[in-house]
N, C-alpha and C. Protein backbone atom coordinates (compact mmCIF):
# COMPACT_ATOMS: atom_id res chain seq x y z
N MET A 1 0.98 -1.37 0.12
CA MET A 1 0.20 -0.20 0.10
C MET A 1 0.96 1.74 0.06
N VAL A 2 1.01 2.27 -0.73
CA VAL A 2 1.78 3.62 -1.44
C VAL A 2 0.52 4.57 0.45
N ALA A 3 2.16 4.71 0.81
CA ALA A 3 0.86 5.91 1.70
C ALA A 3 0.31 7.24 1.15
N GLU A 4 -0.28 8.01 2.03
CA GLU A 4 -1.54 8.81 1.30
C GLU A 4 -0.79 9.93 1.45
N SER A 5 -1.78 10.86 1.30
CA SER A 5 -0.71 12.21 1.04
C SER A 5 -0.51 13.39 1.98
N GLY A 6 -1.26 12.89 3.09
CA GLY A 6 -1.40 13.14 4.49
C GLY A 6 0.39 12.86 5.15
N ASP A 7 0.68 11.37 4.47
CA ASP A 7 1.95 11.12 5.59
C ASP A 7 3.13 11.31 5.20
N ALA A 8 2.87 12.00 4.08
CA ALA A 8 4.13 12.70 3.60
C ALA A 8 4.92 13.36 4.48
N GLY A 9 4.79 14.24 5.13
CA GLY A 9 5.33 15.03 5.92
C GLY A 9 6.24 14.30 6.92
N ALA A 10 5.75 13.46 7.42
CA ALA A 10 5.46 11.97 8.51
C ALA A 10 7.40 11.91 7.67
N PHE A 11 7.02 11.32 6.47
CA PHE A 11 7.43 10.18 5.99
C PHE A 11 8.96 11.42 5.58
N SER A 12 9.11 12.63 5.11
CA SER A 12 10.27 13.11 4.81
C SER A 12 10.66 13.51 5.73
N ARG A 13 10.09 13.66 7.29
CA ARG A 13 11.40 13.87 8.17
C ARG A 13 11.68 12.35 8.57
N PHE A 14 11.31 11.33 8.53
CA PHE A 14 11.69 10.42 8.74
C PHE A 14 12.84 10.21 7.30
N VAL A 15 12.25 10.53 6.24
CA VAL A 15 14.18 10.32 5.62
C VAL A 15 15.16 11.77 6.01
N VAL A 16 14.68 12.77 6.01
CA VAL A 16 15.80 13.34 6.60
C VAL A 16 16.32 13.00 8.16
N ALA A 17 15.35 12.61 8.63
CA ALA A 17 16.66 11.88 10.49
C ALA A 17 17.49 11.19 9.29
N ASN A 18 16.61 9.65 8.83
CA ASN A 18 17.39 8.52 8.75
C ASN A 18 18.34 8.33 7.88
N GLU A 19 17.82 8.98 6.42
CA GLU A 19 18.81 8.79 4.86
C GLU A 19 20.31 8.56 5.24
N ALA A 20 21.09 10.05 6.04
CA ALA A 20 22.70 9.68 5.46
C ALA A 20 22.97 8.85 6.46
N ARG A 21 22.83 8.30 7.26
CA ARG A 21 23.04 6.91 8.30
C ARG A 21 23.00 5.75 7.05
N LEU A 22 21.58 5.70 7.07
CA LEU A 22 21.58 4.47 6.14
C LEU A 22 22.50 4.32 4.99
N ARG A 23 22.26 5.49 4.48
CA ARG A 23 23.31 4.81 2.77
C ARG A 23 24.72 5.02 3.55
N ARG A 24 25.46 5.52 4.40
CA ARG A 24 26.28 4.98 4.64
C ARG A 24 26.30 3.72 5.04
N VAL A 25 26.19 3.31 5.95
CA VAL A 25 26.10 2.06 6.41
C VAL A 25 26.11 0.87 4.84
N LEU A 26 24.98 1.69 4.20
CA LEU A 26 25.46 0.24 3.17
C LEU A 26 26.10 0.87 1.86
N VAL A 27 26.70 1.98 1.89
CA VAL A 27 28.02 2.49 0.88
C VAL A 27 29.41 1.42 1.45
N ALA A 28 29.41 1.70 2.80
CA ALA A 28 30.37 0.63 3.88
C ALA A 28 30.23 -0.62 3.99
N HIS A 29 29.21 -1.07 3.65
CA HIS A 29 28.82 -2.82 3.27
C HIS A 29 28.95 -3.12 1.52
N TYR A 30 28.32 -2.10 1.52
CA TYR A 30 28.40 -2.83 -0.65
C TYR A 30 29.27 -1.80 -1.65
N GLY A 31 30.31 -0.53 -1.07
CA GLY A 31 30.29 0.47 -1.91
C GLY A 31 29.51 1.35 -2.15
N VAL A 32 30.02 2.13 -3.13
CA VAL A 32 29.61 4.11 -2.99
C VAL A 32 28.18 3.62 -4.51
N GLU A 33 28.48 2.88 -5.43
CA GLU A 33 27.73 2.49 -6.13
C GLU A 33 26.45 1.79 -5.92
N VAL A 34 26.66 0.57 -5.57
CA VAL A 34 25.63 -0.19 -4.73
C VAL A 34 24.79 0.10 -3.43
N GLY A 35 26.11 0.78 -3.14
CA GLY A 35 25.08 1.20 -1.26
C GLY A 35 24.16 2.06 -1.77
N SER A 36 24.77 2.62 -2.50
CA SER A 36 24.01 4.11 -2.96
C SER A 36 22.58 4.03 -3.59
N GLU A 37 22.60 2.71 -4.27
CA GLU A 37 21.36 2.33 -5.02
C GLU A 37 20.32 1.99 -4.23
N VAL A 38 20.90 0.65 -3.33
CA VAL A 38 19.96 0.14 -2.89
C VAL A 38 19.44 0.92 -1.43
N ALA A 39 20.01 1.74 -1.07
CA ALA A 39 19.90 2.57 -0.20
C ALA A 39 18.32 4.14 -0.23
N SER A 40 18.85 3.70 -2.07
CA SER A 40 17.56 4.59 -2.60
C SER A 40 16.25 3.25 -2.74
N ASP A 41 16.68 2.49 -3.25
CA ASP A 41 16.14 1.24 -3.18
C ASP A 41 15.02 0.68 -1.74
N ALA A 42 15.74 0.97 -1.07
CA ALA A 42 15.26 0.90 0.95
C ALA A 42 14.02 1.93 0.92
N PHE A 43 14.32 3.12 0.95
CA PHE A 43 13.82 4.57 1.03
C PHE A 43 12.26 4.30 0.12
N ALA A 44 12.47 4.29 -1.37
CA ALA A 44 11.02 3.61 -1.88
C ALA A 44 10.79 3.12 -1.30
N TRP A 45 10.89 1.31 -0.93
CA TRP A 45 9.94 0.20 -0.46
C TRP A 45 9.58 0.67 0.83
N ALA A 46 10.57 1.55 2.34
CA ALA A 46 9.35 2.70 2.92
C ALA A 46 8.23 3.57 2.57
N TRP A 47 8.24 4.16 1.43
CA TRP A 47 6.88 4.74 0.95
C TRP A 47 5.90 3.60 0.58
N GLU A 48 6.02 2.83 -0.24
CA GLU A 48 5.07 2.12 -0.21
C GLU A 48 4.79 1.43 0.73
N HIS A 49 5.33 1.39 1.69
CA HIS A 49 4.89 0.79 2.92
C HIS A 49 4.72 1.32 4.39
N TRP A 50 4.96 2.45 3.91
CA TRP A 50 4.81 3.51 5.18
C TRP A 50 3.60 3.36 6.47
N ASP A 51 2.80 2.54 5.98
CA ASP A 51 2.02 2.01 7.70
C ASP A 51 2.45 1.64 8.14
N ARG A 52 3.36 0.60 7.27
CA ARG A 52 4.02 -0.39 8.20
C ARG A 52 5.21 -0.06 9.09
N VAL A 53 5.75 0.65 7.92
CA VAL A 53 7.55 1.47 8.64
C VAL A 53 7.15 2.40 9.42
N ARG A 54 6.44 3.02 9.87
CA ARG A 54 6.12 3.81 10.95
C ARG A 54 5.86 3.16 12.37
N GLU A 55 5.36 2.57 12.03
CA GLU A 55 4.99 1.33 13.25
C GLU A 55 6.65 0.65 13.93
N MET A 56 7.27 1.16 13.27
CA MET A 56 8.30 -0.36 13.73
C MET A 56 9.16 0.34 14.97
N GLU A 57 9.54 -0.34 15.70
CA GLU A 57 10.42 -0.07 16.99
C GLU A 57 11.95 0.53 16.12
N ASN A 58 12.38 -0.37 15.00
CA ASN A 58 13.89 0.33 14.65
C ASN A 58 13.28 0.17 13.40
N PRO A 59 12.56 0.77 12.78
CA PRO A 59 12.61 0.90 11.01
C PRO A 59 14.01 1.37 10.12
N CYS A 60 14.67 1.88 10.86
CA CYS A 60 16.10 2.00 10.03
C CYS A 60 16.96 1.00 10.25
N GLY A 61 17.27 0.02 10.66
CA GLY A 61 17.17 -1.62 10.72
C GLY A 61 16.94 -2.46 9.96
N TYR A 62 15.41 -2.11 9.91
CA TYR A 62 15.08 -2.95 8.57
C TYR A 62 14.91 -2.18 7.60
N LEU A 63 14.85 -1.31 6.95
CA LEU A 63 15.86 -0.98 5.92
C LEU A 63 16.76 -1.16 6.04
N TYR A 64 17.62 -0.88 6.56
CA TYR A 64 18.86 -1.85 6.04
C TYR A 64 18.77 -3.29 5.90
N ARG A 65 18.13 -3.83 6.33
CA ARG A 65 18.06 -5.62 5.65
C ARG A 65 17.18 -5.46 4.08
N VAL A 66 16.19 -4.18 3.97
CA VAL A 66 15.84 -4.72 2.81
C VAL A 66 16.95 -3.99 1.93
N GLY A 67 17.54 -3.07 2.40
CA GLY A 67 18.88 -2.65 1.20
C GLY A 67 19.82 -3.92 1.01
N GLN A 68 20.07 -4.48 2.06
CA GLN A 68 21.08 -6.08 1.49
C GLN A 68 20.25 -7.27 0.81
N SER A 69 18.81 -7.25 0.99
CA SER A 69 18.01 -7.63 0.13
C SER A 69 18.11 -7.33 -1.47
N SER A 70 17.82 -5.92 -2.09
CA SER A 70 18.10 -5.72 -2.56
C SER A 70 19.77 -5.76 -3.26
N ALA A 71 20.27 -5.46 -2.56
CA ALA A 71 22.32 -5.80 -3.16
C ALA A 71 22.47 -7.06 -3.29
N ARG A 72 21.01 -8.11 -2.76
CA ARG A 72 21.82 -9.24 -3.75
C ARG A 72 22.04 -9.40 -5.08
N ARG A 73 21.25 -9.08 -6.53
CA ARG A 73 20.98 -9.21 -7.38
C ARG A 73 22.23 -8.07 -7.68
N HIS A 74 23.01 -7.03 -6.99
CA HIS A 74 23.98 -6.24 -7.45
C HIS A 74 24.95 -6.96 -7.13
N ARG A 75 25.32 -8.03 -6.44
CA ARG A 75 26.56 -8.82 -5.75
C ARG A 75 27.12 -10.06 -6.72
N ARG A 76 25.81 -10.36 -7.44
CA ARG A 76 26.15 -11.50 -8.77
C ARG A 76 26.78 -10.88 -9.61
N TRP A 77 26.83 -9.59 -9.53
CA TRP A 77 27.54 -8.94 -11.05
C TRP A 77 29.26 -8.10 -10.66
N GLN A 78 29.30 -7.76 -9.43
CA GLN A 78 30.20 -6.90 -8.58
C GLN A 78 30.43 -7.46 -7.53
N ARG A 79 31.97 -7.90 -7.82
CA ARG A 79 32.18 -9.13 -6.29
C ARG A 79 33.24 -8.52 -5.98
N ARG A 80 33.85 -6.74 -6.01
CA ARG A 80 34.96 -6.32 -5.63
C ARG A 80 34.15 -5.31 -5.00
N ILE A 81 34.22 -4.76 -3.83
CA ILE A 81 33.81 -3.76 -3.33
C ILE A 81 35.22 -3.00 -3.28
N VAL A 82 34.09 -1.27 -3.86
CA VAL A 82 35.26 0.13 -4.35
C VAL A 82 34.93 0.87 -3.45
N LEU A 83 35.97 1.66 -2.47
CA LEU A 83 34.92 2.29 -1.50
C LEU A 83 36.20 3.20 -1.98
N PRO A 84 35.09 4.83 -1.91
CA PRO A 84 35.56 6.06 -2.12
C PRO A 84 37.29 6.09 -1.95
N ALA A 85 37.55 6.62 -2.89
CA ALA A 85 39.36 7.36 -1.75
C ALA A 85 39.39 8.31 -1.29
N GLU A 86 40.12 8.57 0.03
CA GLU A 86 40.50 9.21 0.89
C GLU A 86 41.00 10.34 0.41
N THR A 87 40.76 11.96 0.94
CA THR A 87 41.38 12.76 0.09
C THR A 87 42.59 13.19 1.59
N PRO A 88 43.26 13.35 1.58
CA PRO A 88 43.60 14.80 3.03
C PRO A 88 42.96 16.28 2.80
N THR A 89 42.68 16.24 4.43
CA THR A 89 42.08 17.38 4.33
C THR A 89 42.74 18.61 5.13
N ALA A 90 42.79 19.71 4.74
CA ALA A 90 43.44 20.52 5.61
C ALA A 90 43.50 20.59 7.34
N GLY A 91 44.27 20.64 8.13
CA GLY A 91 44.92 20.62 8.91
C GLY A 91 44.54 19.46 9.82
N LEU A 92 44.36 18.24 8.69
CA LEU A 92 44.18 16.50 9.61
C LEU A 92 45.10 15.91 8.64
N PRO A 93 45.94 14.64 9.62
CA PRO A 93 46.91 14.12 8.80
C PRO A 93 46.57 13.22 7.87
N ALA A 94 47.41 12.40 6.68
CA ALA A 94 47.36 11.82 5.63
C ALA A 94 46.47 10.75 6.14
N PRO A 95 45.59 10.16 5.74
CA PRO A 95 45.27 8.56 5.42
C PRO A 95 46.07 7.76 5.39
N GLU A 96 46.24 6.62 6.12
CA GLU A 96 47.09 5.37 5.55
C GLU A 96 47.33 5.23 4.63
N PRO A 97 48.11 4.92 4.20
CA PRO A 97 48.38 4.41 2.48
C PRO A 97 48.38 2.75 2.89
N GLY A 98 47.07 2.46 2.03
CA GLY A 98 46.16 1.52 1.76
C GLY A 98 45.06 0.91 2.21
N LEU A 99 45.08 1.86 3.18
CA LEU A 99 43.76 1.99 4.23
C LEU A 99 42.71 1.45 3.57
N ASP A 100 42.15 2.00 2.52
CA ASP A 100 41.04 1.51 1.97
C ASP A 100 40.88 0.23 1.28
N ARG A 101 42.38 -0.19 0.89
CA ARG A 101 42.98 -1.86 0.49
C ARG A 101 42.13 -2.92 1.76
N ALA A 102 43.58 -2.28 2.73
CA ALA A 102 42.77 -3.40 4.38
C ALA A 102 41.28 -3.27 4.26
N LEU A 103 40.70 -2.22 3.85
CA LEU A 103 38.97 -2.02 4.17
C LEU A 103 38.12 -2.94 4.06
N ALA A 104 38.52 -2.91 2.10
CA ALA A 104 38.31 -3.55 1.66
C ALA A 104 38.45 -5.17 1.79
N ARG A 105 39.24 -5.92 1.84
CA ARG A 105 39.60 -7.20 2.43
C ARG A 105 38.67 -7.42 3.95
N LEU A 106 38.22 -6.94 4.52
CA LEU A 106 37.73 -7.07 5.94
C LEU A 106 36.48 -7.97 5.75
N SER A 107 35.68 -8.46 6.22
CA SER A 107 34.46 -9.01 5.86
C SER A 107 33.24 -7.63 5.93
N ALA A 108 32.11 -7.79 5.25
CA ALA A 108 31.31 -6.45 5.15
C ALA A 108 31.06 -5.76 6.87
N SER A 109 30.68 -7.19 7.75
CA SER A 109 30.53 -6.58 9.25
C SER A 109 31.39 -6.17 9.55
N GLN A 110 32.99 -6.65 9.41
CA GLN A 110 34.02 -6.02 10.44
C GLN A 110 34.03 -4.30 9.45
N ARG A 111 33.40 -4.45 8.21
CA ARG A 111 34.36 -2.95 7.92
C ARG A 111 33.06 -2.28 8.32
N VAL A 112 31.85 -2.48 7.58
CA VAL A 112 31.18 -1.80 8.51
C VAL A 112 30.56 -0.73 9.90
N ALA A 113 31.33 -1.89 10.79
CA ALA A 113 31.14 -1.76 12.13
C ALA A 113 32.51 -1.00 12.33
N VAL A 114 33.62 -0.91 11.81
CA VAL A 114 34.99 -0.13 11.69
C VAL A 114 34.72 1.30 11.58
N MET A 115 34.29 1.29 10.21
CA MET A 115 33.71 2.55 9.74
C MET A 115 32.42 2.99 10.37
N LEU A 116 31.78 2.86 10.67
CA LEU A 116 30.43 3.33 12.04
C LEU A 116 31.45 4.10 13.13
N VAL A 117 31.76 3.20 13.92
CA VAL A 117 32.26 3.11 15.29
C VAL A 117 33.68 4.34 15.17
N HIS A 118 34.96 4.15 14.32
CA HIS A 118 35.76 4.75 13.96
C HIS A 118 35.77 5.81 13.28
N GLY A 119 35.18 5.53 12.33
CA GLY A 119 35.32 6.00 10.68
C GLY A 119 34.48 7.69 11.11
N LEU A 120 33.08 6.95 11.80
CA LEU A 120 32.34 8.04 11.45
C LEU A 120 31.22 8.46 13.02
N ASP A 121 32.41 7.91 14.36
CA ASP A 121 32.45 7.82 15.01
C ASP A 121 30.80 7.81 16.17
N TRP A 122 29.95 6.75 15.20
CA TRP A 122 29.01 6.63 16.05
C TRP A 122 29.46 5.95 17.57
N SER A 123 28.11 5.28 18.07
CA SER A 123 27.89 4.81 19.88
C SER A 123 28.64 3.12 18.70
N TYR A 124 28.65 2.27 19.52
CA TYR A 124 28.16 0.64 20.04
C TYR A 124 26.56 1.11 20.02
N LYS A 125 26.37 1.32 20.60
CA LYS A 125 24.52 1.58 20.74
C LYS A 125 23.75 1.59 18.93
N ASP A 126 24.47 2.54 18.46
CA ASP A 126 23.94 3.34 17.27
C ASP A 126 24.37 2.64 16.25
N ALA A 127 24.97 1.89 15.94
CA ALA A 127 25.59 1.14 14.85
C ALA A 127 24.95 0.00 15.43
N ALA A 128 24.67 -0.60 16.32
CA ALA A 128 24.43 -2.45 16.43
C ALA A 128 22.92 -1.60 16.28
N ALA A 129 22.53 -0.82 15.91
CA ALA A 129 20.69 -0.29 15.85
C ALA A 129 20.67 -0.59 14.36
N ALA A 130 21.33 0.34 13.50
CA ALA A 130 21.47 0.09 12.59
C ALA A 130 21.90 -0.96 11.44
N MET A 131 23.00 -1.87 12.40
CA MET A 131 23.65 -2.89 11.83
C MET A 131 22.43 -4.18 11.84
N ASP A 132 21.49 -3.30 13.12
CA ASP A 132 20.39 -4.77 13.79
C ASP A 132 20.97 -6.13 14.12
N VAL A 133 21.93 -5.55 14.87
CA VAL A 133 22.59 -6.75 15.79
C VAL A 133 22.73 -6.31 17.29
N PRO A 134 23.07 -7.42 18.17
CA PRO A 134 22.97 -6.51 19.17
C PRO A 134 24.59 -6.38 19.74
N VAL A 135 24.72 -5.14 20.52
CA VAL A 135 26.27 -4.52 21.44
C VAL A 135 27.46 -5.18 20.47
N SER A 136 27.02 -6.56 21.65
CA SER A 136 28.25 -7.15 22.20
C SER A 136 28.31 -7.77 20.26
N THR A 137 27.91 -8.23 19.73
CA THR A 137 28.21 -8.38 18.21
C THR A 137 29.26 -7.33 17.23
N VAL A 138 28.37 -6.06 17.26
CA VAL A 138 29.70 -5.05 17.08
C VAL A 138 30.93 -5.51 17.90
N ARG A 139 30.60 -4.86 19.33
CA ARG A 139 32.17 -5.06 19.73
C ARG A 139 33.01 -6.08 19.24
N ASN A 140 32.31 -7.54 18.65
CA ASN A 140 33.18 -8.58 18.62
C ASN A 140 33.81 -8.34 17.03
N HIS A 141 33.05 -7.58 15.66
CA HIS A 141 33.26 -7.44 14.36
C HIS A 141 34.55 -5.97 14.92
N LEU A 142 34.49 -5.42 15.82
CA LEU A 142 35.15 -4.36 15.67
C LEU A 142 36.64 -4.88 15.98
N VAL A 143 36.80 -5.83 17.47
CA VAL A 143 38.01 -5.89 17.73
C VAL A 143 38.36 -6.55 17.12
N ARG A 144 37.37 -8.02 15.79
CA ARG A 144 38.71 -9.11 14.78
C ARG A 144 38.77 -8.02 13.78
N GLY A 145 37.75 -7.09 13.13
CA GLY A 145 38.67 -6.20 12.24
C GLY A 145 39.71 -5.18 12.27
N LEU A 146 39.86 -4.83 13.33
CA LEU A 146 40.76 -3.51 13.88
C LEU A 146 41.90 -4.52 14.32
N ALA A 147 41.81 -5.91 14.60
CA ALA A 147 43.00 -6.60 14.31
C ALA A 147 43.81 -7.25 13.12
N ARG A 148 42.78 -7.11 11.98
CA ARG A 148 42.76 -7.74 11.11
C ARG A 148 43.88 -6.41 10.49
N LEU A 149 42.94 -5.31 10.47
CA LEU A 149 43.87 -4.22 10.19
C LEU A 149 45.19 -3.33 10.81
N ARG A 150 45.60 -3.90 11.56
CA ARG A 150 46.67 -3.78 12.36
C ARG A 150 47.54 -5.20 11.52
N ARG A 151 47.62 -6.10 10.97
CA ARG A 151 48.64 -6.77 10.68
C ARG A 151 48.83 -6.28 9.67
N GLU A 152 47.22 -6.14 8.44
CA GLU A 152 47.40 -5.71 7.51
C GLU A 152 48.61 -4.78 7.03
N LEU A 153 48.02 -4.20 7.53
CA LEU A 153 49.20 -2.08 7.91
C LEU A 153 50.01 -2.40 8.93
N GLY A 154 50.24 -3.36 9.03
CA GLY A 154 52.15 -3.49 9.76
C GLY A 154 52.11 -2.90 11.38
N GLU A 155 51.26 -2.53 11.80
CA GLU A 155 51.58 -2.40 12.53
C GLU A 155 50.94 -3.19 13.95
N SER A 156 51.87 -2.58 15.38
CA SER A 156 51.18 -3.68 16.59
C SER A 156 50.96 -2.96 17.02
N SER A 157 50.15 -4.59 17.83
CA SER A 157 48.81 -4.04 19.01
C SER A 157 48.66 -2.69 19.63
């Protein structure tokens, strides 16, 4: 069922509040092209099912799952994750050489957890809600992902 016109304002507020977060998670998981496309697919699905979505306890987490389902058709054709290139920002140190390649070699869950918590400075609780997993699972993905990054980048623990 497509949302009624009276729901357009509520849906617009929902999109403004959640679009950037969901897009970042999906881009971290699937790369820029596929992640952006499936985020759009997820919000299109949310509009069509707005009566259900607005009543959910964790609608952003549910839409993450919708995005994952949408990404299945893309994953058949795109095997390699392409992450956006990091460019130096004035006043900040240059990104670690090889970090993008090392991140791409992590499992999708580890990469998402590392990028959300350390890259975007989200709390474990917020990352867990977006990924629709318990906080302990986020913590495990972080520990394993950071250990692998340290090994691959040649840093000591």
